[in-house]
C-alpha cells in the first residue's frame, strides 16, 4: 500500500515520542518489510530537521533523523504546482493542504495521520496507523 506519512507520525518514530512511538514503530516495520511504501513531502524533511534539532539540541541527531527518513521513505516533490494547488484548496492548515496536494499528485492510496480532523477535506482516505494495520491483515 502506498501512503503519505504525516510529519507528526515520522517524528513520533524518530524522536520516540510517547505514547505514540509504539504505533509508529509498527508502521516503520511494515515499511521496512515493503508491505507499505511510505511517502513524505519534501517540506516534511525540513520540519523533521528543525524539530529534531530543537528537541534534541544536537545537529548530529537532527541530521541522523533526516538520513533515516531519506533511507526508508519516498520523497514527494513540493513545487509551484503543488503549492498553488494547496493554496487554492482553501484548507486552513497550509501544511496539511500541501500534504494532501502531494498525496493526490502521487496517486497515493491513503494519508496516515493522528490528526484526522485536519484532513477532512482530503479526497484521499485518511487513516490512523491502527486502521492501516487492520487493512493489511
Protein backbone atom coordinates (compact mmCIF):
# COMPACT_ATOMS: atom_id res chain seq x y z
CA UNK A 1 0.00 0.00 0.00
CA UNK A 2 1.29 3.46 -0.91
CA UNK A 3 0.65 6.03 1.82
CA UNK A 4 1.70 9.54 2.75
CA UNK A 5 3.02 9.71 6.30
CA UNK A 6 2.06 12.85 8.22
CA UNK A 7 5.00 14.73 9.71
CA UNK A 8 3.96 14.01 13.29
CA UNK A 9 3.98 10.25 12.76
CA UNK A 10 7.50 10.39 11.35
CA UNK A 11 8.57 12.49 14.33
CA UNK A 12 6.87 10.08 16.74
CA UNK A 13 9.12 7.35 15.42
CA UNK A 14 12.34 9.31 15.07
CA UNK A 15 12.12 11.03 18.45
CA UNK A 16 10.49 8.05 20.19
CA UNK A 17 7.64 10.27 21.37
CA UNK A 18 5.33 8.60 23.84
CA UNK A 19 2.58 7.49 23.84
CA UNK A 20 2.79 7.29 20.04
CA UNK A 21 6.16 5.62 19.49
CA UNK A 22 4.94 2.01 19.62
CA UNK A 23 2.38 2.52 16.83
CA UNK A 24 4.90 4.44 14.73
CA UNK A 25 7.42 1.64 15.22
CA UNK A 26 4.89 -0.91 13.92
CA UNK A 27 4.33 1.27 10.87
CA UNK A 28 8.05 1.59 10.17
CA UNK A 29 8.39 -2.20 10.45
CA UNK A 30 5.76 -2.53 7.71
CA UNK A 31 7.68 0.00 5.61
CA UNK A 32 10.95 -1.90 6.16
CA UNK A 33 9.29 -5.13 5.05
CA UNK A 34 7.95 -3.40 1.89
CA UNK A 35 4.34 -4.14 2.81
CA UNK A 36 3.83 -0.38 2.97
CA UNK A 37 5.51 2.21 0.79
CA UNK A 38 5.88 5.36 2.84
CA UNK A 39 5.94 8.80 1.27
CA UNK A 40 6.66 12.15 2.91
CA UNK A 41 6.65 15.61 1.42
CA UNK A 42 9.88 17.49 0.81
CA UNK A 43 8.66 20.05 3.37
CA UNK A 44 8.38 17.29 5.96
CA UNK A 45 12.13 16.77 5.68
CA UNK A 46 12.86 20.37 6.68
CA UNK A 47 10.32 20.14 9.52
CA UNK A 48 11.97 16.95 10.80
CA UNK A 49 15.38 18.61 10.83
CA UNK A 50 14.10 21.73 12.58
CA UNK A 51 12.01 19.95 15.22
CA UNK A 52 14.62 17.24 15.86
CA UNK A 53 17.33 19.86 16.33
CA UNK A 54 15.11 21.95 18.60
CA UNK A 55 14.15 18.99 20.80
CA UNK A 56 17.49 17.22 20.97
CA UNK A 57 19.74 20.31 20.71
CA UNK A 58 22.00 18.21 18.53
CA UNK A 59 22.81 18.89 14.88
CA UNK A 60 24.11 15.32 14.59
CA UNK A 61 20.82 13.83 15.82
CA UNK A 62 18.81 16.10 13.53
CA UNK A 63 20.96 15.07 10.57
CA UNK A 64 20.57 11.39 11.54
CA UNK A 65 16.77 11.80 11.66
CA UNK A 66 16.79 13.23 8.14
CA UNK A 67 19.13 10.49 6.97
CA UNK A 68 16.83 7.82 8.44
CA UNK A 69 13.82 9.26 6.60
CA UNK A 70 15.70 9.61 3.32
CA UNK A 71 16.72 5.96 3.61
CA UNK A 72 13.24 4.48 4.02
CA UNK A 73 10.79 6.99 2.53
CA UNK A 74 9.94 8.18 -0.94
CA UNK A 75 10.03 11.96 -1.11
CA UNK A 76 7.14 13.80 -2.77
CA UNK A 77 8.34 16.94 -4.52
CA UNK A 78 6.87 20.25 -3.45
CA UNK A 79 6.94 22.54 -6.45
CA UNK A 80 4.97 25.56 -7.62
CA UNK A 81 2.05 23.45 -8.87
CA UNK A 82 1.73 21.67 -5.50
CA UNK A 83 1.93 24.94 -3.58
CA UNK A 84 -0.66 26.61 -5.81
CA UNK A 85 -2.99 23.61 -5.51
CA UNK A 86 -2.62 23.65 -1.72
CA UNK A 87 -3.19 27.40 -1.57
CA UNK A 88 -6.29 27.24 -3.79
CA UNK A 89 -7.74 24.37 -1.74
CA UNK A 90 -8.94 26.73 0.97
CA UNK A 91 -7.76 24.31 3.67
CA UNK A 92 -6.88 26.39 6.73
CA UNK A 93 -3.80 24.37 7.70
CA UNK A 94 -1.39 25.04 4.83
CA UNK A 95 0.93 22.18 5.85
CA UNK A 96 -1.98 19.72 5.67
CA UNK A 97 -3.05 21.22 2.34
CA UNK A 98 0.44 20.64 0.94
CA UNK A 99 0.43 17.04 2.15
CA UNK A 100 -2.98 16.43 0.56
CA UNK A 101 -1.86 18.01 -2.73
CA UNK A 102 1.26 15.81 -2.73
CA UNK A 103 -0.75 12.66 -2.00
CA UNK A 104 -3.14 13.47 -4.83
CA UNK A 105 -0.32 14.22 -7.26
CA UNK A 106 1.38 10.90 -6.44
CA UNK A 107 -1.96 9.00 -6.64
CA UNK A 108 -1.43 7.56 -3.16
CA UNK A 109 -3.94 5.26 -1.51
CA UNK A 110 -4.13 6.95 1.89
CA UNK A 111 -2.73 9.57 4.22
CA UNK A 112 -1.69 8.40 7.69
CA UNK A 113 -2.24 10.88 10.48
CA UNK A 114 -3.02 11.11 14.18
CA UNK A 115 -4.95 14.33 13.44
CA UNK A 116 -7.60 13.19 11.03
CA UNK A 117 -9.64 16.36 11.67
CA UNK A 118 -7.01 18.39 9.81
CA UNK A 119 -7.60 16.31 6.69
CA UNK A 120 -11.41 16.44 6.50
CA UNK A 121 -11.28 17.97 3.01
CA UNK A 122 -8.99 15.26 1.66
CA UNK A 123 -10.21 13.38 -1.42
CA UNK A 124 -7.86 10.58 -0.32
CA UNK A 125 -8.78 8.41 2.70
CA UNK A 126 -7.11 9.47 5.94
CA UNK A 127 -6.26 6.60 8.27
CA UNK A 128 -4.71 6.06 11.64
CA UNK A 129 -1.85 3.59 11.94
CA UNK A 130 -4.27 1.09 13.54
CA UNK A 131 -6.68 1.40 10.62
CA UNK A 132 -3.86 0.81 8.14
CA UNK A 133 -2.61 -2.23 10.02
CA UNK A 134 -6.16 -3.67 10.07
CA UNK A 135 -6.38 -3.24 6.28
CA UNK A 136 -3.09 -5.09 5.86
CA UNK A 137 -4.32 -8.17 7.76
